[in-house]
PDB file of N, CA and C in Angstrom:
ATOM      1  N   MET A   1     122.722  80.474 106.639  1.00  0.00           N
ATOM      2  CA  MET A   1     121.538  80.734 105.836  1.00  0.00           C
ATOM      3  C   MET A   1     120.318  80.992 106.714  1.00  0.00           C
ATOM      4  N   SER A   2     120.165  80.205 107.788  1.00  0.00           N
ATOM      5  CA  SER A   2     118.999  80.398 108.646  1.00  0.00           C
ATOM      6  C   SER A   2     119.059  81.754 109.348  1.00  0.00           C
ATOM      7  N   ASN A   3     120.277  82.234 109.642  1.00  0.00           N
ATOM      8  CA  ASN A   3     120.398  83.563 110.244  1.00  0.00           C
ATOM      9  C   ASN A   3     119.940  84.640 109.281  1.00  0.00           C
ATOM     10  N   ALA A   4     120.226  84.482 107.996  1.00  0.00           N
ATOM     11  CA  ALA A   4     119.803  85.468 107.000  1.00  0.00           C
ATOM     12  C   ALA A   4     118.284  85.530 106.929  1.00  0.00           C
ATOM     13  N   ILE A   5     117.624  84.393 106.985  1.00  0.00           N
ATOM     14  CA  ILE A   5     116.151  84.369 106.935  1.00  0.00           C
ATOM     15  C   ILE A   5     115.572  85.071 108.155  1.00  0.00           C
ATOM     16  N   VAL A   6     116.170  84.839 109.311  1.00  0.00           N
ATOM     17  CA  VAL A   6     115.704  85.516 110.533  1.00  0.00           C
ATOM     18  C   VAL A   6     115.881  87.026 110.393  1.00  0.00           C
ATOM     19  N   HIS A   7     117.018  87.468 109.858  1.00  0.00           N
ATOM     20  CA  HIS A   7     117.257  88.905 109.690  1.00  0.00           C
ATOM     21  C   HIS A   7     116.325  89.508 108.636  1.00  0.00           C
ATOM     22  N   ILE A   8     116.027  88.752 107.585  1.00  0.00           N
ATOM     23  CA  ILE A   8     115.079  89.236 106.580  1.00  0.00           C
ATOM     24  C   ILE A   8     113.704  89.424 107.208  1.00  0.00           C
ATOM     25  N   LEU A   9     113.257  88.445 107.971  1.00  0.00           N
ATOM     26  CA  LEU A   9     111.936  88.537 108.597  1.00  0.00           C
ATOM     27  C   LEU A   9     111.887  89.600 109.692  1.00  0.00           C
ATOM     28  N   ASN A  10     113.043  89.953 110.250  1.00  0.00           N
ATOM     29  CA  ASN A  10     113.100  91.020 111.260  1.00  0.00           C
ATOM     30  C   ASN A  10     113.291  92.398 110.650  1.00  0.00           C
ATOM     31  N   ASN A  11     113.393  92.468 109.297  1.00  0.00           N
ATOM     32  CA  ASN A  11     113.524  93.751 108.611  1.00  0.00           C
ATOM     33  C   ASN A  11     114.856  94.418 108.935  1.00  0.00           C
ATOM     34  N   ASP A  12     115.918  93.625 109.129  1.00  0.00           N
ATOM     35  CA  ASP A  12     117.221  94.156 109.518  1.00  0.00           C
ATOM     36  C   ASP A  12     118.034  94.593 108.310  1.00  0.00           C
ATOM     37  N   CYS A  13     118.902  95.554 108.530  1.00  0.00           N
ATOM     38  CA  CYS A  13     119.840  96.020 107.509  1.00  0.00           C
ATOM     39  C   CYS A  13     120.775  94.867 107.140  1.00  0.00           C
ATOM     40  N   PRO A  14     121.026  94.630 105.847  1.00  0.00           N
ATOM     41  CA  PRO A  14     121.896  93.523 105.465  1.00  0.00           C
ATOM     42  C   PRO A  14     123.370  93.772 105.784  1.00  0.00           C
ATOM     43  N   HIS A  15     123.740  95.013 106.006  1.00  0.00           N
ATOM     44  CA  HIS A  15     125.148  95.340 106.246  1.00  0.00           C
ATOM     45  C   HIS A  15     125.515  95.238 107.727  1.00  0.00           C
ATOM     46  N   CYS A  16     124.765  95.894 108.590  1.00  0.00           N
ATOM     47  CA  CYS A  16     125.103  95.923 110.018  1.00  0.00           C
ATOM     48  C   CYS A  16     124.168  95.084 110.886  1.00  0.00           C
ATOM     49  N   LEU A  17     123.032  94.698 110.353  1.00  0.00           N
ATOM     50  CA  LEU A  17     122.014  93.904 111.053  1.00  0.00           C
ATOM     51  C   LEU A  17     121.435  94.634 112.268  1.00  0.00           C
ATOM     52  N   GLU A  18     121.604  95.949 112.319  1.00  0.00           N
ATOM     53  CA  GLU A  18     121.077  96.744 113.430  1.00  0.00           C
ATOM     54  C   GLU A  18     119.913  97.631 113.010  1.00  0.00           C
ATOM     55  N   GLY A  19     120.069  98.362 111.912  1.00  0.00           N
ATOM     56  CA  GLY A  19     119.036  99.277 111.445  1.00  0.00           C
ATOM     57  C   GLY A  19     117.913  98.526 110.746  1.00  0.00           C
ATOM     58  N   LYS A  20     116.900  99.255 110.321  1.00  0.00           N
ATOM     59  CA  LYS A  20     115.740  98.674 109.648  1.00  0.00           C
ATOM     60  C   LYS A  20     115.666  99.173 108.205  1.00  0.00           C
ATOM     61  N   VAL A  21     115.260  98.283 107.301  1.00  0.00           N
ATOM     62  CA  VAL A  21     115.129  98.629 105.890  1.00  0.00           C
ATOM     63  C   VAL A  21     113.852  99.429 105.663  1.00  0.00           C
ATOM     64  N   PHE A  22     112.742  98.972 106.224  1.00  0.00           N
ATOM     65  CA  PHE A  22     111.461  99.651 106.067  1.00  0.00           C
ATOM     66  C   PHE A  22     111.149 100.475 107.299  1.00  0.00           C
ATOM     67  N   LYS A  23     110.391 101.536 107.111  1.00  0.00           N
ATOM     68  CA  LYS A  23     110.036 102.410 108.226  1.00  0.00           C
ATOM     69  C   LYS A  23     109.145 101.691 109.230  1.00  0.00           C
ATOM     70  N   GLU A  24     108.308 100.766 108.735  1.00  0.00           N
ATOM     71  CA  GLU A  24     107.481  99.982 109.636  1.00  0.00           C
ATOM     72  C   GLU A  24     108.353  98.898 110.260  1.00  0.00           C
ATOM     73  N   LYS A  25     108.212  98.684 111.534  1.00  0.00           N
ATOM     74  CA  LYS A  25     109.031  97.674 112.211  1.00  0.00           C
ATOM     75  C   LYS A  25     108.611  96.255 111.836  1.00  0.00           C
ATOM     76  N   ASN A  26     107.317  96.049 111.622  1.00  0.00           N
ATOM     77  CA  ASN A  26     106.773  94.724 111.339  1.00  0.00           C
ATOM     78  C   ASN A  26     106.477  94.625 109.846  1.00  0.00           C
ATOM     79  N   ILE A  27     107.033  93.628 109.153  1.00  0.00           N
ATOM     80  CA  ILE A  27     106.771  93.501 107.716  1.00  0.00           C
ATOM     81  C   ILE A  27     105.571  92.605 107.432  1.00  0.00           C
ATOM     82  N   PHE A  28     104.985  91.991 108.440  1.00  0.00           N
ATOM     83  CA  PHE A  28     103.949  90.996 108.211  1.00  0.00           C
ATOM     84  C   PHE A  28     102.572  91.592 107.958  1.00  0.00           C
ATOM     85  N   PHE A  29     102.090  92.434 108.832  1.00  0.00           N
ATOM     86  CA  PHE A  29     100.709  92.909 108.733  1.00  0.00           C
ATOM     87  C   PHE A  29     100.662  94.431 108.631  1.00  0.00           C
ATOM     88  N   ASN A  30     100.895  94.932 107.445  1.00  0.00           N
ATOM     89  CA  ASN A  30     100.807  96.364 107.182  1.00  0.00           C
ATOM     90  C   ASN A  30      99.934  96.578 105.959  1.00  0.00           C
ATOM     91  N   ILE A  31      99.256  97.697 105.933  1.00  0.00           N
ATOM     92  CA  ILE A  31      98.391  98.013 104.804  1.00  0.00           C
ATOM     93  C   ILE A  31      99.017  99.175 104.053  1.00  0.00           C
ATOM     94  N   GLY A  32      98.992  99.107 102.745  1.00  0.00           N
ATOM     95  CA  GLY A  32      99.540 100.171 101.927  1.00  0.00           C
ATOM     96  C   GLY A  32     100.901  99.811 101.358  1.00  0.00           C
ATOM     97  N   PHE A  33     101.388 100.688 100.475  1.00  0.00           N
ATOM     98  CA  PHE A  33     102.675 100.451  99.850  1.00  0.00           C
ATOM     99  C   PHE A  33     103.781 100.701 100.870  1.00  0.00           C
ATOM    100  N   PRO A  34     104.811  99.887 100.877  1.00  0.00           N
ATOM    101  CA  PRO A  34     105.854 100.027 101.899  1.00  0.00           C
ATOM    102  C   PRO A  34     106.671 101.309 101.731  1.00  0.00           C
ATOM    103  N   LYS A  35     107.087 101.859 102.847  1.00  0.00           N
ATOM    104  CA  LYS A  35     107.942 103.038 102.847  1.00  0.00           C
ATOM    105  C   LYS A  35     109.325 102.601 103.322  1.00  0.00           C
ATOM    106  N   MET A  36     110.288 102.692 102.397  1.00  0.00           N
ATOM    107  CA  MET A  36     111.651 102.275 102.721  1.00  0.00           C
ATOM    108  C   MET A  36     112.464 103.459 103.226  1.00  0.00           C
ATOM    109  N   ASN A  37     113.374 103.151 104.125  1.00  0.00           N
ATOM    110  CA  ASN A  37     114.372 104.144 104.505  1.00  0.00           C
ATOM    111  C   ASN A  37     115.408 104.193 103.387  1.00  0.00           C
ATOM    112  N   PRO A  38     115.854 105.378 102.987  1.00  0.00           N
ATOM    113  CA  PRO A  38     116.880 105.429 101.931  1.00  0.00           C
ATOM    114  C   PRO A  38     118.224 104.891 102.415  1.00  0.00           C
ATOM    115  N   TYR A  39     118.532 105.121 103.694  1.00  0.00           N
ATOM    116  CA  TYR A  39     119.791 104.673 104.283  1.00  0.00           C
ATOM    117  C   TYR A  39     119.514 103.991 105.610  1.00  0.00           C
ATOM    118  N   CYS A  40     120.418 103.149 106.028  1.00  0.00           N
ATOM    119  CA  CYS A  40     120.323 102.524 107.345  1.00  0.00           C
ATOM    120  C   CYS A  40     120.576 103.593 108.409  1.00  0.00           C
ATOM    121  N   SER A  41     119.775 103.600 109.443  1.00  0.00           N
ATOM    122  CA  SER A  41     119.928 104.594 110.512  1.00  0.00           C
ATOM    123  C   SER A  41     121.162 104.316 111.364  1.00  0.00           C
ATOM    124  N   HIS A  42     121.692 103.125 111.292  1.00  0.00           N
ATOM    125  CA  HIS A  42     122.833 102.758 112.124  1.00  0.00           C
ATOM    126  C   HIS A  42     124.177 102.889 111.399  1.00  0.00           C
ATOM    127  N   CYS A  43     124.263 102.361 110.156  1.00  0.00           N
ATOM    128  CA  CYS A  43     125.550 102.345 109.444  1.00  0.00           C
ATOM    129  C   CYS A  43     125.560 103.163 108.154  1.00  0.00           C
ATOM    130  N   GLN A  44     124.449 103.802 107.810  1.00  0.00           N
ATOM    131  CA  GLN A  44     124.313 104.627 106.599  1.00  0.00           C
ATOM    132  C   GLN A  44     124.481 103.829 105.307  1.00  0.00           C
ATOM    133  N   PHE A  45     124.170 102.544 105.331  1.00  0.00           N
ATOM    134  CA  PHE A  45     124.189 101.695 104.142  1.00  0.00           C
ATOM    135  C   PHE A  45     123.040 102.116 103.232  1.00  0.00           C
ATOM    136  N   LYS A  46     123.336 102.361 101.947  1.00  0.00           N
ATOM    137  CA  LYS A  46     122.309 102.792 100.999  1.00  0.00           C
ATOM    138  C   LYS A  46     121.585 101.553 100.471  1.00  0.00           C
ATOM    139  N   PHE A  47     120.256 101.523 100.619  1.00  0.00           N
ATOM    140  CA  PHE A  47     119.479 100.350 100.235  1.00  0.00           C
ATOM    141  C   PHE A  47     119.221 100.279  98.736  1.00  0.00           C
ATOM    142  N   GLU A  48     118.886 101.396  98.110  1.00  0.00           N
ATOM    143  CA  GLU A  48     118.639 101.401  96.673  1.00  0.00           C
ATOM    144  C   GLU A  48     119.911 101.852  95.970  1.00  0.00           C
ATOM    145  N   LYS A  49     120.570 100.910  95.313  1.00  0.00           N
ATOM    146  CA  LYS A  49     121.877 101.182  94.713  1.00  0.00           C
ATOM    147  C   LYS A  49     121.792 102.112  93.514  1.00  0.00           C
ATOM    148  N   GLU A  50     120.761 101.981  92.718  1.00  0.00           N
ATOM    149  CA  GLU A  50     120.602 102.772  91.502  1.00  0.00           C
ATOM    150  C   GLU A  50     119.119 102.848  91.170  1.00  0.00           C
ATOM    151  N   PRO A  51     118.722 103.778  90.297  1.00  0.00           N
ATOM    152  CA  PRO A  51     117.310 103.827  89.887  1.00  0.00           C
ATOM    153  C   PRO A  51     116.916 102.512  89.207  1.00  0.00           C
ATOM    154  N   GLY A  52     115.792 101.980  89.577  1.00  0.00           N
ATOM    155  CA  GLY A  52     115.325 100.722  89.000  1.00  0.00           C
ATOM    156  C   GLY A  52     115.920  99.504  89.652  1.00  0.00           C
ATOM    157  N   TYR A  53     116.584  99.668  90.781  1.00  0.00           N
ATOM    158  CA  TYR A  53     117.237  98.551  91.467  1.00  0.00           C
ATOM    159  C   TYR A  53     116.243  97.457  91.860  1.00  0.00           C
ATOM    160  N   PHE A  54     115.030  97.837  92.198  1.00  0.00           N
ATOM    161  CA  PHE A  54     114.066  96.860  92.688  1.00  0.00           C
ATOM    162  C   PHE A  54     113.162  96.285  91.592  1.00  0.00           C
ATOM    163  N   PHE A  55     113.482  96.511  90.303  1.00  0.00           N
ATOM    164  CA  PHE A  55     112.709  95.868  89.241  1.00  0.00           C
ATOM    165  C   PHE A  55     112.827  94.356  89.336  1.00  0.00           C
ATOM    166  N   GLY A  56     113.974  93.858  89.702  1.00  0.00           N
ATOM    167  CA  GLY A  56     114.161  92.411  89.863  1.00  0.00           C
ATOM    168  C   GLY A  56     113.325  91.850  91.001  1.00  0.00           C
ATOM    169  N   ALA A  57     113.075  92.674  92.019  1.00  0.00           N
ATOM    170  CA  ALA A  57     112.247  92.230  93.135  1.00  0.00           C
ATOM    171  C   ALA A  57     110.809  91.978  92.694  1.00  0.00           C
ATOM    172  N   MET A  58     110.395  92.608  91.590  1.00  0.00           N
ATOM    173  CA  MET A  58     109.047  92.348  91.062  1.00  0.00           C
ATOM    174  C   MET A  58     108.915  90.894  90.620  1.00  0.00           C
ATOM    175  N   TYR A  59     109.983  90.341  90.059  1.00  0.00           N
ATOM    176  CA  TYR A  59     109.950  88.943  89.630  1.00  0.00           C
ATOM    177  C   TYR A  59     109.924  88.001  90.832  1.00  0.00           C
ATOM    178  N   VAL A  60     110.627  88.364  91.881  1.00  0.00           N
ATOM    179  CA  VAL A  60     110.576  87.586  93.122  1.00  0.00           C
ATOM    180  C   VAL A  60     109.164  87.647  93.695  1.00  0.00           C
ATOM    181  N   ASN A  61     108.566  88.836  93.678  1.00  0.00           N
ATOM    182  CA  ASN A  61     107.195  89.016  94.153  1.00  0.00           C
ATOM    183  C   ASN A  61     106.220  88.170  93.332  1.00  0.00           C
ATOM    184  N   TYR A  62     106.412  88.170  92.015  1.00  0.00           N
ATOM    185  CA  TYR A  62     105.553  87.367  91.138  1.00  0.00           C
ATOM    186  C   TYR A  62     105.676  85.882  91.476  1.00  0.00           C
ATOM    187  N   GLY A  63     106.890  85.408  91.684  1.00  0.00           N
ATOM    188  CA  GLY A  63     107.094  84.007  92.050  1.00  0.00           C
ATOM    189  C   GLY A  63     106.437  83.655  93.374  1.00  0.00           C
ATOM    190  N   LEU A  64     106.541  84.549  94.363  1.00  0.00           N
ATOM    191  CA  LEU A  64     105.880  84.324  95.648  1.00  0.00           C
ATOM    192  C   LEU A  64     104.366  84.260  95.479  1.00  0.00           C
ATOM    193  N   THR A  65     103.823  85.157  94.670  1.00  0.00           N
ATOM    194  CA  THR A  65     102.378  85.209  94.460  1.00  0.00           C
ATOM    195  C   THR A  65     101.885  83.951  93.759  1.00  0.00           C
ATOM    196  N   VAL A  66     102.610  83.494  92.749  1.00  0.00           N
ATOM    197  CA  VAL A  66     102.225  82.264  92.043  1.00  0.00           C
ATOM    198  C   VAL A  66     102.291  81.073  92.995  1.00  0.00           C
ATOM    199  N   ALA A  67     103.351  80.993  93.785  1.00  0.00           N
ATOM    200  CA  ALA A  67     103.483  79.884  94.741  1.00  0.00           C
ATOM    201  C   ALA A  67     102.347  79.897  95.767  1.00  0.00           C
ATOM    202  N   GLN A  68     101.968  81.078  96.233  1.00  0.00           N
ATOM    203  CA  GLN A  68     100.864  81.174  97.185  1.00  0.00           C
ATOM    204  C   GLN A  68      99.539  80.807  96.531  1.00  0.00           C
ATOM    205  N   GLY A  69      99.359  81.188  95.266  1.00  0.00           N
ATOM    206  CA  GLY A  69      98.135  80.820  94.550  1.00  0.00           C
ATOM    207  C   GLY A  69      98.032  79.313  94.349  1.00  0.00           C
ATOM    208  N   ILE A  70      99.132  78.674  93.983  1.00  0.00           N
ATOM    209  CA  ILE A  70      99.131  77.212  93.794  1.00  0.00           C
ATOM    210  C   ILE A  70      98.909  76.511  95.122  1.00  0.00           C
ATOM    211  N   ALA A  71      99.575  76.971  96.182  1.00  0.00           N
ATOM    212  CA  ALA A  71      99.390  76.366  97.496  1.00  0.00           C
ATOM    213  C   ALA A  71      97.948  76.527  97.980  1.00  0.00           C
ATOM    214  N   THR A  72      97.358  77.689  97.731  1.00  0.00           N
ATOM    215  CA  THR A  72      95.963  77.915  98.120  1.00  0.00           C
ATOM    216  C   THR A  72      95.035  76.981  97.352  1.00  0.00           C
ATOM    217  N   TYR A  73      95.293  76.798  96.065  1.00  0.00           N
ATOM    218  CA  TYR A  73      94.480  75.890  95.265  1.00  0.00           C
ATOM    219  C   TYR A  73      94.586  74.463  95.783  1.00  0.00           C
ATOM    220  N   ILE A  74      95.798  74.019  96.078  1.00  0.00           N
ATOM    221  CA  ILE A  74      95.996  72.648  96.558  1.00  0.00           C
ATOM    222  C   ILE A  74      95.288  72.434  97.884  1.00  0.00           C
ATOM    223  N   ILE A  75      95.367  73.401  98.784  1.00  0.00           N
ATOM    224  CA  ILE A  75      94.683  73.270 100.079  1.00  0.00           C
ATOM    225  C   ILE A  75      93.177  73.364  99.912  1.00  0.00           C
ATOM    226  N   ALA A  76      92.702  74.286  99.077  1.00  0.00           N
ATOM    227  CA  ALA A  76      91.261  74.511  98.933  1.00  0.00           C
ATOM    228  C   ALA A  76      90.565  73.375  98.194  1.00  0.00           C
ATOM    229  N   GLN A  77      91.262  72.668  97.321  1.00  0.00           N
ATOM    230  CA  GLN A  77      90.596  71.619  96.544  1.00  0.00           C
ATOM    231  C   GLN A  77      90.101  70.472  97.422  1.00  0.00           C
ATOM    232  N   PHE A  78      90.673  70.302  98.605  1.00  0.00           N
ATOM    233  CA  PHE A  78      90.215  69.250  99.505  1.00  0.00           C
ATOM    234  C   PHE A  78      88.832  69.536 100.095  1.00  0.00           C
ATOM    235  N   PHE A  79      88.391  70.783 100.021  1.00  0.00           N
ATOM    236  CA  PHE A  79      87.112  71.173 100.588  1.00  0.00           C
ATOM    237  C   PHE A  79      85.982  71.177  99.554  1.00  0.00           C
ATOM    238  N   PHE A  80      86.289  70.807  98.304  1.00  0.00           N
ATOM    239  CA  PHE A  80      85.292  70.792  97.242  1.00  0.00           C
ATOM    240  C   PHE A  80      85.263  69.418  96.601  1.00  0.00           C
ATOM    241  N   THR A  81      84.092  69.030  96.085  1.00  0.00           N
ATOM    242  CA  THR A  81      83.955  67.688  95.509  1.00  0.00           C
ATOM    243  C   THR A  81      84.504  67.600  94.091  1.00  0.00           C
ATOM    244  N   GLU A  82      84.366  68.647  93.302  1.00  0.00           N
ATOM    245  CA  GLU A  82      84.868  68.630  91.936  1.00  0.00           C
ATOM    246  C   GLU A  82      86.366  68.929  91.915  1.00  0.00           C
ATOM    247  N   THR A  83      87.050  68.458  90.865  1.00  0.00           N
ATOM    248  CA  THR A  83      88.491  68.681  90.752  1.00  0.00           C
ATOM    249  C   THR A  83      88.814  70.159  90.651  1.00  0.00           C
ATOM    250  N   PHE A  84      88.117  70.868  89.763  1.00  0.00           N
ATOM    251  CA  PHE A  84      88.320  72.304  89.647  1.00  0.00           C
ATOM    252  C   PHE A  84      86.973  72.985  89.796  1.00  0.00           C
ATOM    253  N   ASP A  85      86.707  73.460  90.984  1.00  0.00           N
ATOM    254  CA  ASP A  85      85.464  74.160  91.275  1.00  0.00           C
ATOM    255  C   ASP A  85      85.723  75.663  91.143  1.00  0.00           C
ATOM    256  N   LEU A  86      84.845  76.366  90.449  1.00  0.00           N
ATOM    257  CA  LEU A  86      85.058  77.802  90.219  1.00  0.00           C
ATOM    258  C   LEU A  86      84.998  78.629  91.500  1.00  0.00           C
ATOM    259  N   ARG A  87      84.476  78.057  92.564  1.00  0.00           N
ATOM    260  CA  ARG A  87      84.440  78.784  93.834  1.00  0.00           C
ATOM    261  C   ARG A  87      85.825  78.916  94.462  1.00  0.00           C
ATOM    262  N   ILE A  88      86.810  78.186  93.934  1.00  0.00           N
ATOM    263  CA  ILE A  88      88.173  78.284  94.451  1.00  0.00           C
ATOM    264  C   ILE A  88      88.829  79.592  94.002  1.00  0.00           C
ATOM    265  N   ILE A  89      88.442  80.110  92.853  1.00  0.00           N
ATOM    266  CA  ILE A  89      89.077  81.313  92.298  1.00  0.00           C
ATOM    267  C   ILE A  89      88.943  82.521  93.234  1.00  0.00           C
ATOM    268  N   PRO A  90      87.756  82.818  93.788  1.00  0.00           N
ATOM    269  CA  PRO A  90      87.693  83.955  94.725  1.00  0.00           C
ATOM    270  C   PRO A  90      88.514  83.727  95.993  1.00  0.00           C
ATOM    271  N   ILE A  91      88.640  82.484  96.419  1.00  0.00           N
ATOM    272  CA  ILE A  91      89.454  82.187  97.596  1.00  0.00           C
ATOM    273  C   ILE A  91      90.917  82.515  97.297  1.00  0.00           C
ATOM    274  N   ILE A  92      91.396  82.095  96.125  1.00  0.00           N
ATOM    275  CA  ILE A  92      92.768  82.397  95.724  1.00  0.00           C
ATOM    276  C   ILE A  92      92.972  83.905  95.618  1.00  0.00           C
ATOM    277  N   ALA A  93      91.999  84.609  95.036  1.00  0.00           N
ATOM    278  CA  ALA A  93      92.107  86.068  94.885  1.00  0.00           C
ATOM    279  C   ALA A  93      92.195  86.764  96.239  1.00  0.00           C
ATOM    280  N   VAL A  94      91.393  86.327  97.200  1.00  0.00           N
ATOM    281  CA  VAL A  94      91.419  86.939  98.535  1.00  0.00           C
ATOM    282  C   VAL A  94      92.775  86.712  99.201  1.00  0.00           C
ATOM    283  N   ILE A  95      93.306  85.511  99.098  1.00  0.00           N
ATOM    284  CA  ILE A  95      94.610  85.216  99.695  1.00  0.00           C
ATOM    285  C   ILE A  95      95.698  86.070  99.052  1.00  0.00           C
ATOM    286  N   ILE A  96      95.650  86.215  97.733  1.00  0.00           N
ATOM    287  CA  ILE A  96      96.660  87.022  97.039  1.00  0.00           C
ATOM    288  C   ILE A  96      96.570  88.488  97.466  1.00  0.00           C
ATOM    289  N   VAL A  97      95.371  89.020  97.610  1.00  0.00           N
ATOM    290  CA  VAL A  97      95.213  90.421  98.036  1.00  0.00           C
ATOM    291  C   VAL A  97      95.684  90.604  99.478  1.00  0.00           C
ATOM    292  N   ILE A  98      95.366  89.650 100.334  1.00  0.00           N
ATOM    293  CA  ILE A  98      95.788  89.742 101.735  1.00  0.00           C
ATOM    294  C   ILE A  98      97.306  89.692 101.852  1.00  0.00           C
ATOM    295  N   MET A  99      97.948  88.860 101.051  1.00  0.00           N
ATOM    296  CA  MET A  99      99.396  88.667 101.146  1.00  0.00           C
ATOM    297  C   MET A  99     100.211  89.675 100.327  1.00  0.00           C
ATOM    298  N   ALA A 100      99.564  90.540  99.562  1.00  0.00           N
ATOM    299  CA  ALA A 100     100.280  91.447  98.658  1.00  0.00           C
ATOM    300  C   ALA A 100     101.249  92.371  99.395  1.00  0.00           C
ATOM    301  N   SER A 101     100.823  92.961 100.482  1.00  0.00           N
ATOM    302  CA  SER A 101     101.680  93.888 101.216  1.00  0.00           C
ATOM    303  C   SER A 101     102.909  93.170 101.772  1.00  0.00           C
ATOM    304  N   PHE A 102     102.714  91.985 102.325  1.00  0.00           N
ATOM    305  CA  PHE A 102     103.844  91.195 102.827  1.00  0.00           C
ATOM    306  C   PHE A 102     104.782  90.806 101.691  1.00  0.00           C
ATOM    307  N   ASN A 103     104.219  90.395 100.551  1.00  0.00           N
ATOM    308  CA  ASN A 103     105.040  89.956  99.417  1.00  0.00           C
ATOM    309  C   ASN A 103     105.941  91.065  98.902  1.00  0.00           C
ATOM    310  N   ILE A 104     105.433  92.282  98.843  1.00  0.00           N
ATOM    311  CA  ILE A 104     106.250  93.407  98.370  1.00  0.00           C
ATOM    312  C   ILE A 104     107.443  93.617  99.294  1.00  0.00           C
ATOM    313  N   ARG A 105     107.179  93.661 100.576  1.00  0.00           N
ATOM    314  CA  ARG A 105     108.256  93.880 101.533  1.00  0.00           C
ATOM    315  C   ARG A 105     109.249  92.721 101.529  1.00  0.00           C
ATOM    316  N   PHE A 106     108.736  91.504 101.555  1.00  0.00           N
ATOM    317  CA  PHE A 106     109.591  90.320 101.616  1.00  0.00           C
ATOM    318  C   PHE A 106     110.446  90.193 100.357  1.00  0.00           C
ATOM    319  N   SER A 107     109.868  90.466  99.185  1.00  0.00           N
ATOM    320  CA  SER A 107     110.634  90.336  97.949  1.00  0.00           C
ATOM    321  C   SER A 107     111.735  91.396  97.870  1.00  0.00           C
ATOM    322  N   ARG A 108     111.470  92.606  98.345  1.00  0.00           N
ATOM    323  CA  ARG A 108     112.517  93.635  98.351  1.00  0.00           C
ATOM    324  C   ARG A 108     113.642  93.280  99.325  1.00  0.00           C
ATOM    325  N   LEU A 109     113.266  92.761 100.478  1.00  0.00           N
ATOM    326  CA  LEU A 109     114.295  92.343 101.431  1.00  0.00           C
ATOM    327  C   LEU A 109     115.128  91.197 100.868  1.00  0.00           C
ATOM    328  N   LEU A 110     114.480  90.230 100.232  1.00  0.00           N
ATOM    329  CA  LEU A 110     115.220  89.137  99.595  1.00  0.00           C
ATOM    330  C   LEU A 110     116.169  89.674  98.527  1.00  0.00           C
ATOM    331  N   TRP A 111     115.703  90.626  97.741  1.00  0.00           N
ATOM    332  CA  TRP A 111     116.516  91.199  96.672  1.00  0.00           C
ATOM    333  C   TRP A 111     117.740  91.920  97.246  1.00  0.00           C
ATOM    334  N   ILE A 112     117.553  92.667  98.302  1.00  0.00           N
ATOM    335  CA  ILE A 112     118.682  93.364  98.933  1.00  0.00           C
ATOM    336  C   ILE A 112     119.686  92.352  99.476  1.00  0.00           C
ATOM    337  N   TYR A 113     119.197  91.307 100.132  1.00  0.00           N
ATOM    338  CA  TYR A 113     120.090  90.309 100.720  1.00  0.00           C
ATOM    339  C   TYR A 113     120.781  89.465  99.650  1.00  0.00           C
ATOM    340  N   MET A 114     120.144  89.236  98.505  1.00  0.00           N
ATOM    341  CA  MET A 114     120.780  88.452  97.447  1.00  0.00           C
ATOM    342  C   MET A 114     121.961  89.182  96.842  1.00  0.00           C
ATOM    343  N   PHE A 115     121.887  90.497  96.737  1.00  0.00           N
ATOM    344  CA  PHE A 115     122.944  91.268  96.089  1.00  0.00           C
ATOM    345  C   PHE A 115     123.776  92.064  97.073  1.00  0.00           C
ATOM    346  N   LYS A 116     123.768  91.650  98.309  1.00  0.00           N
ATOM    347  CA  LYS A 116     124.596  92.266  99.338  1.00  0.00           C
ATOM    348  C   LYS A 116     126.052  91.866  99.106  1.00  0.00           C
ATOM    349  N   ASN A 117     126.976  92.741  99.418  1.00  0.00           N
ATOM    350  CA  ASN A 117     128.396  92.436  99.281  1.00  0.00           C
ATOM    351  C   ASN A 117     128.831  91.602 100.484  1.00  0.00           C
ATOM    352  N   TYR A 118     129.019  90.310 100.269  1.00  0.00           N
ATOM    353  CA  TYR A 118     129.344  89.402 101.366  1.00  0.00           C
ATOM    354  C   TYR A 118     130.834  89.388 101.698  1.00  0.00           C
ATOM    355  N   SER A 119     131.663  90.089 100.955  1.00  0.00           N
ATOM    356  CA  SER A 119     133.101  90.095 101.218  1.00  0.00           C
ATOM    357  C   SER A 119     133.476  90.972 102.421  1.00  0.00           C
ATOM    358  N   ASN A 120     132.603  91.915 102.763  1.00  0.00           N
ATOM    359  CA  ASN A 120     132.911  92.817 103.891  1.00  0.00           C
ATOM    360  C   ASN A 120     132.547  92.189 105.196  1.00  0.00           C
TER     361      ASN A 120
END
């Protein structure tokens, strides 16, 4: 399992672990919508199995965003005297916007790895 997480964070192909899923080598700090390779450059593994394949990744992305928002709230509340200070909302919004590009890439990689054929 830990090897899979390392390969996901390295943007590796789930089939051969050599090629890259996204055209950008680094999935952490990129601006803009991600550009995926249609096939692995090493083994020709097709990443998008069918039209709409990544609709499920939207739910993974939503879960990541909610978790990051809750974590940001929990960390930020220690810096304010009131239990729910309205100044926390812009902080949460900034974190969500900053992490959006990473979340899209990470959720798609998770989705590909979850439905990879492990029998081969």
